[in-house]
Amino acid sequence: MNKNNKNKNNNNNNNFITVKSIVDENFQDYKKISMFIAFPKCDFKCFKELGLDISGCQNYEISKMPNIKIKISEVFNRYINNNITEAVILGGLEPFFNFDEIYNLISYFRQKNCNDDFVIYTGYYPDEIKNYIQELKKFENIIIKFGRFIPKSASILDKILGVKLASENQFAKKIS
């Protein structure tokens, strides 16, 4: 493959994201009605760090679902043509395993003058993903839910998200 074709293919890859599923209307993970996008990768660090079997993770079954490659423009059109959604949630497994794809997705929305909230659910803590946070601060209205799931932990109401989070160590922060 020559260099020009390689660059063309890379540009085409920037137009797609790989997901497990997309729920057009989600009412439970944010105070606003949201599109929920489930990303396809995770190392199950929450359970591994505690020495627990990863099959106990609530998202374990999602990992077995087939991956779907979808055009970012299609995701945008589904979102923008839905009159009741006001935000996009990136979750599923671990979105930061696909940072380039989430960056391209948010960038596309912003280029199309859609500045609605993007909420990213991650098991990481801020100090573990400093570089990614810095990159995402370039965009408006980015909220990140931080913290690993801890089984049998008390749930906590998060005032930024307006919903209960599964573990008391989890919290959301508006980074931009």
Protein backbone atom coordinates (compact mmCIF):
# COMPACT_ATOMS: atom_id res chain seq x y z
CA MET A 1 0.00 0.00 0.00
CA ASN A 2 1.38 3.39 -0.87
CA LYS A 3 1.50 6.28 1.57
CA ASN A 4 -1.42 8.17 -0.01
CA ASN A 5 -3.73 5.16 0.25
CA LYS A 6 -2.67 4.57 3.85
CA ASN A 7 -3.55 8.14 4.82
CA LYS A 8 -6.87 7.86 3.02
CA ASN A 9 -7.70 4.69 4.97
CA ASN A 10 -6.71 6.34 8.26
CA ASN A 11 -9.00 9.28 7.49
CA ASN A 12 -11.83 6.85 6.78
CA ASN A 13 -11.21 5.14 10.12
CA ASN A 14 -11.62 8.53 11.80
CA ASN A 15 -15.17 8.55 10.47
CA PHE A 16 -16.20 5.41 12.39
CA ILE A 17 -16.51 4.26 15.98
CA THR A 18 -16.76 0.70 17.25
CA VAL A 19 -19.47 0.09 19.82
CA LYS A 20 -21.42 -2.71 21.46
CA SER A 21 -24.74 -0.87 21.31
CA ILE A 22 -26.45 2.50 21.09
CA VAL A 23 -29.56 3.29 23.11
CA ASP A 24 -31.24 6.31 21.54
CA GLU A 25 -33.12 7.33 24.70
CA ASN A 26 -31.64 6.65 28.14
CA PHE A 27 -33.37 7.97 31.26
CA GLN A 28 -31.27 6.50 34.08
CA ASP A 29 -27.63 7.57 33.82
CA TYR A 30 -27.94 11.36 33.70
CA LYS A 31 -30.42 14.03 34.70
CA LYS A 32 -31.10 14.77 31.02
CA ILE A 33 -32.56 12.34 28.50
CA SER A 34 -29.50 10.98 26.71
CA MET A 35 -28.23 8.79 23.92
CA PHE A 36 -26.14 6.03 25.52
CA ILE A 37 -23.21 4.56 23.58
CA ALA A 38 -21.65 1.34 24.92
CA PHE A 39 -17.98 1.07 24.06
CA PRO A 40 -16.43 -2.36 23.39
CA LYS A 41 -13.33 -2.81 25.55
CA CYS A 42 -12.50 -3.24 29.22
CA ASP A 43 -9.81 -4.91 31.29
CA PHE A 44 -12.26 -5.40 34.21
CA LYS A 45 -9.83 -3.64 36.54
CA CYS A 46 -12.61 -3.04 39.10
CA PHE A 47 -12.96 -6.76 39.76
CA LYS A 48 -9.37 -7.81 39.13
CA GLU A 49 -8.00 -5.31 41.67
CA LEU A 50 -10.30 -6.82 44.29
CA GLY A 51 -9.39 -10.39 43.32
CA LEU A 52 -12.95 -11.08 42.16
CA ASP A 53 -14.16 -13.09 39.18
CA ILE A 54 -14.84 -10.70 36.28
CA SER A 55 -18.05 -12.56 35.45
CA GLY A 56 -19.59 -10.75 38.45
CA CYS A 57 -19.33 -7.40 36.69
CA GLN A 58 -22.67 -5.97 35.63
CA ASN A 59 -21.12 -5.20 32.22
CA TYR A 60 -19.56 -8.63 31.69
CA GLU A 61 -22.34 -9.78 29.35
CA ILE A 62 -21.88 -6.64 27.24
CA SER A 63 -18.32 -7.79 26.54
CA LYS A 64 -19.71 -10.88 24.81
CA MET A 65 -21.90 -8.89 22.42
CA PRO A 66 -20.63 -8.46 18.86
CA ASN A 67 -18.87 -5.23 17.99
CA ILE A 68 -20.66 -2.82 15.65
CA LYS A 69 -18.73 -0.41 13.47
CA ILE A 70 -20.83 2.69 12.78
CA LYS A 71 -20.22 5.97 11.02
CA ILE A 72 -19.89 8.94 13.33
CA SER A 73 -22.17 10.88 10.99
CA GLU A 74 -24.86 8.22 11.50
CA VAL A 75 -24.54 8.51 15.28
CA PHE A 76 -24.82 12.29 14.98
CA ASN A 77 -27.89 12.07 12.74
CA ARG A 78 -29.62 9.64 15.10
CA TYR A 79 -28.93 12.00 17.98
CA ILE A 80 -29.76 15.31 16.32
CA ASN A 81 -33.00 13.98 14.81
CA ASN A 82 -34.29 12.84 18.19
CA ASN A 83 -36.30 15.71 19.65
CA ILE A 84 -36.06 14.63 23.28
CA THR A 85 -32.37 13.84 23.81
CA GLU A 86 -30.19 16.55 25.34
CA ALA A 87 -26.92 14.73 26.06
CA VAL A 88 -24.70 11.83 24.99
CA ILE A 89 -23.36 9.29 27.48
CA LEU A 90 -20.27 7.25 26.65
CA GLY A 91 -20.09 4.14 28.77
CA GLY A 92 -20.70 0.46 28.32
CA LEU A 93 -17.35 -1.01 29.10
CA GLU A 94 -14.41 1.45 29.32
CA PRO A 95 -14.61 4.35 26.82
CA PHE A 96 -11.03 5.49 27.45
CA PHE A 97 -9.74 2.28 25.84
CA ASN A 98 -11.03 3.89 22.62
CA PHE A 99 -9.87 7.45 23.28
CA ASP A 100 -9.24 8.33 19.63
CA GLU A 101 -12.79 7.30 18.77
CA ILE A 102 -14.41 9.28 21.59
CA TYR A 103 -12.28 12.28 20.68
CA ASN A 104 -13.34 12.02 17.01
CA LEU A 105 -16.99 11.60 18.01
CA ILE A 106 -17.04 14.66 20.27
CA SER A 107 -15.07 16.65 17.71
CA TYR A 108 -17.61 15.80 15.01
CA PHE A 109 -20.52 16.94 17.19
CA ARG A 110 -18.73 20.20 18.01
CA GLN A 111 -17.89 20.83 14.35
CA LYS A 112 -21.61 20.45 13.63
CA ASN A 113 -22.36 23.12 16.29
CA CYS A 114 -23.83 20.67 18.76
CA ASN A 115 -22.54 21.67 22.21
CA ASP A 116 -24.80 19.37 24.22
CA ASP A 117 -23.34 17.61 27.23
CA PHE A 118 -21.10 14.58 26.77
CA VAL A 119 -20.92 12.41 29.89
CA ILE A 120 -18.17 9.80 30.01
CA TYR A 121 -18.53 6.96 32.52
CA THR A 122 -15.09 5.62 33.42
CA GLY A 123 -13.62 3.37 36.06
CA TYR A 124 -10.46 5.45 36.07
CA TYR A 125 -9.61 8.17 38.57
CA PRO A 126 -8.48 11.63 37.36
CA ASP A 127 -4.78 11.05 38.09
CA GLU A 128 -4.81 7.92 35.87
CA ILE A 129 -6.03 9.73 32.74
CA LYS A 130 -4.60 13.25 33.09
CA ASN A 131 -3.53 13.47 29.44
CA TYR A 132 -6.97 12.44 28.16
CA ILE A 133 -8.68 14.94 30.44
CA GLN A 134 -6.41 17.69 29.14
CA GLU A 135 -7.31 16.80 25.54
CA LEU A 136 -11.04 16.76 26.31
CA LYS A 137 -10.89 20.20 27.95
CA LYS A 138 -10.65 21.58 24.41
CA PHE A 139 -14.39 20.90 24.08
CA GLU A 140 -17.31 22.51 25.91
CA ASN A 141 -19.67 20.64 28.23
CA ILE A 142 -17.67 17.53 29.07
CA ILE A 143 -18.53 15.67 32.28
CA ILE A 144 -16.64 12.61 33.49
CA LYS A 145 -17.90 10.10 36.04
CA PHE A 146 -14.78 8.75 37.77
CA GLY A 147 -14.15 5.74 39.98
CA ARG A 148 -14.15 1.98 40.04
CA PHE A 149 -17.22 -0.05 40.87
CA ILE A 150 -16.89 -1.62 44.30
CA PRO A 151 -19.33 -4.47 44.96
CA LYS A 152 -21.47 -4.10 48.09
CA SER A 153 -20.47 -0.43 48.47
CA ALA A 154 -23.16 2.07 49.36
CA SER A 155 -24.60 3.99 46.44
CA ILE A 156 -24.29 7.76 46.41
CA LEU A 157 -26.34 10.52 44.82
CA ASP A 158 -24.16 12.54 42.48
CA LYS A 159 -25.34 16.14 42.25
CA ILE A 160 -23.69 16.82 38.88
CA LEU A 161 -25.24 13.79 37.18
CA GLY A 162 -28.47 13.94 39.17
CA VAL A 163 -28.48 10.15 39.63
CA LYS A 164 -27.28 7.58 42.14
CA LEU A 165 -23.90 6.04 41.44
CA ALA A 166 -23.26 2.42 42.35
CA SER A 167 -20.30 2.99 44.70
CA GLU A 168 -19.59 5.69 47.25
CA ASN A 169 -16.10 6.30 45.82
CA GLN A 170 -17.51 7.34 42.43
CA PHE A 171 -18.06 10.99 41.50
CA ALA A 172 -18.64 13.20 38.50
CA LYS A 173 -16.77 16.33 37.55
CA LYS A 174 -17.50 18.84 34.82
CA ILE A 175 -14.09 19.32 33.22
CA SER A 176 -15.15 21.94 30.68
